């Protein structure tokens, strides 16, 4: 059974940094796309960053230059390094996996809360 577990969320002051981790289990994910999404209060879930199976990365414009996605396929873990955090980054952050052959992300974690205080 595939399971994604996020960790690393918390409360941080504006300008600070956090590193989120997502441990995937149940299968190997080295051939899959892995991504981070977030959902702020009262808003829809939004794309944050993606690590493509090819090795390239994609970022939402709102986080580009501040956030970095990385992955350790041997450890089945994807990370989101967040720097220069802003209050508008406050959200629940979810990791997701888009497995080979699927049309979209088909596995999701339970989320981890990130709160940025001003």
Protein backbone atom coordinates (compact mmCIF):
# COMPACT_ATOMS: atom_id res chain seq x y z
CA UNK A 1 0.00 0.00 0.00
CA UNK A 2 1.39 3.36 -1.03
CA UNK A 3 1.72 5.90 1.75
CA UNK A 4 3.12 9.43 1.79
CA UNK A 5 3.99 11.04 5.13
CA UNK A 6 4.98 14.71 5.33
CA UNK A 7 6.94 16.25 8.18
CA UNK A 8 8.86 19.41 9.01
CA UNK A 9 6.05 21.91 9.22
CA UNK A 10 5.79 24.42 12.04
CA UNK A 11 5.65 28.07 12.98
CA UNK A 12 8.36 30.41 11.70
CA UNK A 13 8.81 34.16 11.52
CA UNK A 14 8.72 35.97 8.22
CA UNK A 15 12.10 35.75 6.52
CA UNK A 16 12.85 32.39 8.10
CA UNK A 17 13.34 28.96 6.60
CA UNK A 18 11.87 25.50 6.87
CA UNK A 19 12.53 22.16 5.22
CA UNK A 20 9.63 19.85 4.57
CA UNK A 21 10.13 16.13 4.00
CA UNK A 22 7.86 13.55 2.43
CA UNK A 23 8.66 9.89 2.95
CA UNK A 24 7.04 7.59 0.43
CA UNK A 25 6.54 3.90 1.09
CA UNK A 26 4.93 0.94 -0.58
CA UNK A 27 6.91 1.01 -3.82
CA UNK A 28 9.91 2.65 -5.44
CA UNK A 29 9.27 6.15 -6.80
CA UNK A 30 12.42 6.81 -8.76
CA UNK A 31 10.48 6.70 -12.06
CA UNK A 32 7.67 8.97 -10.87
CA UNK A 33 7.04 12.69 -10.73
CA UNK A 34 6.87 14.04 -7.20
CA UNK A 35 5.44 17.39 -6.19
CA UNK A 36 4.36 19.73 -3.42
CA UNK A 37 1.02 21.52 -3.27
CA UNK A 38 -0.43 23.81 -0.62
CA UNK A 39 -3.82 24.93 0.55
CA UNK A 40 -4.25 28.18 2.42
CA UNK A 41 -7.33 28.86 4.56
CA UNK A 42 -10.33 29.61 2.40
CA UNK A 43 -8.45 28.88 -0.84
CA UNK A 44 -8.17 25.99 -3.24
CA UNK A 45 -5.18 23.70 -3.26
CA UNK A 46 -2.41 25.15 -5.41
CA UNK A 47 0.70 23.79 -7.09
CA UNK A 48 4.02 24.74 -5.47
CA UNK A 49 6.83 22.72 -7.04
CA UNK A 50 7.48 19.55 -8.98
CA UNK A 51 10.41 17.21 -9.46
CA UNK A 52 10.01 15.49 -12.81
CA UNK A 53 11.24 11.95 -13.35
CA UNK A 54 13.63 13.41 -15.93
CA UNK A 55 15.40 15.39 -13.22
CA UNK A 56 14.04 18.80 -14.10
CA UNK A 57 12.01 20.95 -11.74
CA UNK A 58 9.09 23.35 -12.04
CA UNK A 59 7.97 26.04 -9.61
CA UNK A 60 4.98 28.25 -9.10
CA UNK A 61 5.88 31.85 -9.80
CA UNK A 62 5.01 32.82 -6.22
CA UNK A 63 7.80 30.63 -4.80
CA UNK A 64 10.40 30.66 -7.55
CA UNK A 65 13.77 31.74 -6.23
CA UNK A 66 12.75 31.07 -2.62
CA UNK A 67 11.77 27.39 -2.59
CA UNK A 68 13.75 24.41 -3.85
CA UNK A 69 12.43 20.90 -4.41
CA UNK A 70 14.82 18.00 -4.20
CA UNK A 71 14.55 14.24 -3.96
CA UNK A 72 16.53 11.30 -2.67
CA UNK A 73 15.28 8.33 -4.65
CA UNK A 74 17.35 5.88 -2.62
CA UNK A 75 15.48 7.05 0.47
CA UNK A 76 12.12 7.47 -1.33
CA UNK A 77 11.98 11.01 0.01
CA UNK A 78 11.18 14.37 -1.55
CA UNK A 79 12.06 17.65 0.16
CA UNK A 80 10.89 21.22 -0.06
CA UNK A 81 13.44 23.75 1.12
CA UNK A 82 11.66 27.02 1.87
CA UNK A 83 13.61 30.25 2.37
CA UNK A 84 12.57 33.88 2.82
CA UNK A 85 9.18 32.77 4.02
CA UNK A 86 6.28 35.21 3.89
CA UNK A 87 2.98 35.26 5.79
CA UNK A 88 1.23 34.41 2.52
CA UNK A 89 3.12 31.10 2.48
CA UNK A 90 0.99 29.99 5.43
CA UNK A 91 -0.85 26.84 4.36
CA UNK A 92 -1.12 23.11 4.70
CA UNK A 93 1.54 21.58 2.47
CA UNK A 94 0.91 18.28 0.73
CA UNK A 95 3.25 16.04 -1.20
CA UNK A 96 1.98 14.07 -4.17
CA UNK A 97 3.20 11.41 -6.53
CA UNK A 98 2.32 11.06 -10.22
CA UNK A 99 3.09 7.48 -11.03
CA UNK A 100 4.15 6.23 -14.42
CA UNK A 101 1.11 5.59 -16.60
CA UNK A 102 -1.23 7.82 -14.62
CA UNK A 103 -2.82 10.96 -16.02
CA UNK A 104 -2.28 13.03 -12.89
CA UNK A 105 -1.12 12.83 -9.29
CA UNK A 106 -2.58 9.67 -7.83
CA UNK A 107 -1.14 9.53 -4.34
CA UNK A 108 -1.32 12.27 -1.70
CA UNK A 109 -0.02 12.75 1.81
CA UNK A 110 -2.05 13.97 4.77
CA UNK A 111 -0.36 17.38 4.84
CA UNK A 112 1.79 19.36 7.23
CA UNK A 113 0.94 22.84 8.54
CA UNK A 114 3.28 25.74 7.86
CA UNK A 115 2.53 29.02 9.61
CA UNK A 116 4.56 32.15 8.91
CA UNK A 117 4.11 34.97 11.40
CA UNK A 118 4.71 38.60 10.51
